[in-house]
Amino acid sequence: MTSPVHDVAVIGAGPVGAPRAALLTTLGLSVGVPERATDVYPLPRSAHLAAATLGNLPDIGAWSVS
């Protein structure tokens, strides 16, 4: 049996998949994210961020808390 290419597959790089993949990489995992869209979605997808989401942003290097 051959070794897997990635430790985890997150299907889709949408508003849930992309942060999930980023957080998994902070755990040292190799993450593959197949995405069928070939471009960034042109319209906003959310109106707010939950407190739990804000707490995760520094972990993936997307936000700096001063």
N, C-alpha and C. Protein backbone atom coordinates (compact mmCIF):
# COMPACT_ATOMS: atom_id res chain seq x y z
N MET A 1 0.84 -1.18 0.00
CA MET A 1 0.00 0.00 0.00
C MET A 1 0.89 1.25 0.00
N THR A 2 0.50 2.25 -0.79
CA THR A 2 1.29 3.47 -0.87
C THR A 2 0.84 4.48 0.18
N SER A 3 1.73 5.42 0.47
CA SER A 3 1.41 6.47 1.44
C SER A 3 0.44 7.46 0.82
N PRO A 4 -0.46 8.04 1.62
CA PRO A 4 -1.37 9.05 1.07
C PRO A 4 -0.62 10.33 0.72
N VAL A 5 -1.14 11.08 -0.22
CA VAL A 5 -0.53 12.34 -0.61
C VAL A 5 -0.74 13.38 0.49
N HIS A 6 -1.91 13.35 1.12
CA HIS A 6 -2.25 14.28 2.20
C HIS A 6 -2.79 13.51 3.39
N ASP A 7 -2.68 14.12 4.56
CA ASP A 7 -3.25 13.52 5.76
C ASP A 7 -4.76 13.67 5.79
N VAL A 8 -5.25 14.83 5.29
CA VAL A 8 -6.67 15.17 5.36
C VAL A 8 -7.10 15.79 4.04
N ALA A 9 -8.32 15.48 3.62
CA ALA A 9 -8.92 16.16 2.46
C ALA A 9 -10.10 16.97 2.97
N VAL A 10 -10.09 18.26 2.67
CA VAL A 10 -11.22 19.14 2.97
C VAL A 10 -11.85 19.47 1.62
N ILE A 11 -13.07 19.05 1.42
CA ILE A 11 -13.71 19.20 0.12
C ILE A 11 -14.35 20.58 0.02
N GLY A 12 -13.78 21.41 -0.84
CA GLY A 12 -14.30 22.76 -1.07
C GLY A 12 -13.59 23.80 -0.24
N ALA A 13 -13.24 24.91 -0.89
CA ALA A 13 -12.53 26.00 -0.22
C ALA A 13 -13.45 27.19 0.03
N GLY A 14 -14.66 26.90 0.47
CA GLY A 14 -15.62 27.95 0.76
C GLY A 14 -15.38 28.57 2.13
N PRO A 15 -16.38 29.24 2.67
CA PRO A 15 -16.22 29.95 3.94
C PRO A 15 -16.00 29.02 5.14
N VAL A 16 -16.29 27.75 4.99
CA VAL A 16 -16.00 26.78 6.06
C VAL A 16 -14.73 25.99 5.74
N GLY A 17 -14.61 25.54 4.51
CA GLY A 17 -13.49 24.68 4.12
C GLY A 17 -12.13 25.35 4.19
N ALA A 18 -12.02 26.59 3.73
CA ALA A 18 -10.72 27.27 3.72
C ALA A 18 -10.18 27.49 5.13
N PRO A 19 -10.98 28.04 6.06
CA PRO A 19 -10.43 28.18 7.43
C PRO A 19 -10.17 26.84 8.10
N ARG A 20 -11.01 25.86 7.82
CA ARG A 20 -10.80 24.52 8.40
C ARG A 20 -9.46 23.96 7.94
N ALA A 21 -9.17 24.08 6.65
CA ALA A 21 -7.90 23.60 6.12
C ALA A 21 -6.73 24.35 6.75
N ALA A 22 -6.87 25.67 6.90
CA ALA A 22 -5.80 26.47 7.50
C ALA A 22 -5.54 26.04 8.94
N LEU A 23 -6.60 25.80 9.70
CA LEU A 23 -6.42 25.37 11.10
C LEU A 23 -5.78 23.99 11.18
N LEU A 24 -6.13 23.10 10.26
CA LEU A 24 -5.53 21.76 10.27
C LEU A 24 -4.04 21.82 9.97
N THR A 25 -3.63 22.76 9.13
CA THR A 25 -2.19 22.88 8.85
C THR A 25 -1.42 23.35 10.08
N THR A 26 -2.08 24.12 10.96
CA THR A 26 -1.40 24.57 12.18
C THR A 26 -1.12 23.39 13.12
N LEU A 27 -1.82 22.28 12.90
CA LEU A 27 -1.58 21.06 13.67
C LEU A 27 -0.50 20.19 13.04
N GLY A 28 0.08 20.67 11.95
CA GLY A 28 1.15 19.92 11.29
C GLY A 28 0.66 18.90 10.28
N LEU A 29 -0.61 18.97 9.90
CA LEU A 29 -1.16 18.03 8.94
C LEU A 29 -1.00 18.55 7.52
N SER A 30 -0.84 17.62 6.60
CA SER A 30 -0.83 17.95 5.18
C SER A 30 -2.29 17.91 4.71
N VAL A 31 -2.77 19.01 4.13
CA VAL A 31 -4.19 19.13 3.78
C VAL A 31 -4.34 19.38 2.29
N GLY A 32 -5.19 18.59 1.65
CA GLY A 32 -5.55 18.81 0.25
C GLY A 32 -6.96 19.39 0.19
N VAL A 33 -7.16 20.41 -0.64
CA VAL A 33 -8.46 21.07 -0.75
C VAL A 33 -8.88 21.13 -2.22
N PRO A 34 -9.56 20.11 -2.72
CA PRO A 34 -10.07 20.20 -4.09
C PRO A 34 -11.23 21.19 -4.16
N GLU A 35 -11.23 22.01 -5.18
CA GLU A 35 -12.27 23.04 -5.35
C GLU A 35 -12.68 23.09 -6.81
N ARG A 36 -13.97 23.02 -7.08
CA ARG A 36 -14.43 23.02 -8.47
C ARG A 36 -14.45 24.42 -9.09
N ALA A 37 -14.61 25.46 -8.28
CA ALA A 37 -14.63 26.82 -8.81
C ALA A 37 -13.23 27.20 -9.28
N THR A 38 -13.17 27.92 -10.38
CA THR A 38 -11.87 28.33 -10.92
C THR A 38 -11.56 29.79 -10.62
N ASP A 39 -12.49 30.50 -9.96
CA ASP A 39 -12.29 31.90 -9.64
C ASP A 39 -12.91 32.19 -8.27
N VAL A 40 -12.58 33.32 -7.70
CA VAL A 40 -13.15 33.74 -6.43
C VAL A 40 -14.60 34.12 -6.65
N TYR A 41 -15.48 33.70 -5.74
CA TYR A 41 -16.91 34.03 -5.84
C TYR A 41 -17.06 35.55 -5.76
N PRO A 42 -17.80 36.16 -6.69
CA PRO A 42 -17.80 37.62 -6.80
C PRO A 42 -18.65 38.37 -5.78
N LEU A 43 -19.49 37.69 -5.03
CA LEU A 43 -20.37 38.36 -4.08
C LEU A 43 -20.02 37.98 -2.64
N PRO A 44 -20.35 38.84 -1.67
CA PRO A 44 -20.10 38.50 -0.26
C PRO A 44 -20.90 37.26 0.15
N ARG A 45 -20.34 36.49 1.07
CA ARG A 45 -21.03 35.28 1.52
C ARG A 45 -21.46 35.34 2.98
N SER A 46 -20.99 36.31 3.71
CA SER A 46 -21.40 36.38 5.11
C SER A 46 -21.54 37.84 5.52
N ALA A 47 -22.34 38.05 6.55
CA ALA A 47 -22.59 39.41 7.03
C ALA A 47 -21.87 39.68 8.35
N HIS A 48 -21.39 38.65 9.00
CA HIS A 48 -20.71 38.83 10.28
C HIS A 48 -19.78 37.66 10.55
N LEU A 49 -18.94 37.80 11.55
CA LEU A 49 -18.09 36.72 12.02
C LEU A 49 -18.47 36.40 13.45
N ALA A 50 -18.60 35.13 13.75
CA ALA A 50 -18.90 34.70 15.11
C ALA A 50 -17.67 34.89 15.99
N ALA A 51 -17.89 35.01 17.28
CA ALA A 51 -16.80 35.21 18.23
C ALA A 51 -15.79 34.06 18.14
N ALA A 52 -16.27 32.84 17.95
CA ALA A 52 -15.37 31.69 17.83
C ALA A 52 -14.48 31.81 16.59
N THR A 53 -15.03 32.34 15.52
CA THR A 53 -14.26 32.53 14.29
C THR A 53 -13.17 33.58 14.52
N LEU A 54 -13.52 34.67 15.16
CA LEU A 54 -12.53 35.71 15.46
C LEU A 54 -11.39 35.16 16.31
N GLY A 55 -11.72 34.25 17.21
CA GLY A 55 -10.70 33.65 18.06
C GLY A 55 -9.75 32.75 17.29
N ASN A 56 -10.19 32.20 16.15
CA ASN A 56 -9.35 31.31 15.35
C ASN A 56 -8.44 32.06 14.38
N LEU A 57 -8.77 33.28 14.03
CA LEU A 57 -7.99 34.00 13.03
C LEU A 57 -6.51 34.19 13.41
N PRO A 58 -6.18 34.51 14.67
CA PRO A 58 -4.76 34.62 15.00
C PRO A 58 -4.01 33.29 14.85
N ASP A 59 -4.71 32.16 15.04
CA ASP A 59 -4.07 30.84 14.95
C ASP A 59 -3.60 30.54 13.53
N ILE A 60 -4.24 31.10 12.52
CA ILE A 60 -3.86 30.83 11.15
C ILE A 60 -3.08 32.01 10.54
N GLY A 61 -2.74 32.99 11.38
CA GLY A 61 -1.96 34.11 10.90
C GLY A 61 -2.74 35.12 10.08
N ALA A 62 -4.06 35.09 10.18
CA ALA A 62 -4.89 35.98 9.38
C ALA A 62 -5.27 37.25 10.13
N TRP A 63 -4.94 37.33 11.41
CA TRP A 63 -5.34 38.47 12.20
C TRP A 63 -4.38 38.62 13.36
N SER A 64 -4.00 39.81 13.66
CA SER A 64 -3.10 40.05 14.78
C SER A 64 -3.85 40.79 15.88
N VAL A 65 -3.86 40.23 17.06
CA VAL A 65 -4.52 40.87 18.19
C VAL A 65 -3.49 41.70 18.94
N SER A 66 -3.76 42.99 19.10
CA SER A 66 -2.82 43.87 19.78
C SER A 66 -3.27 44.15 21.20
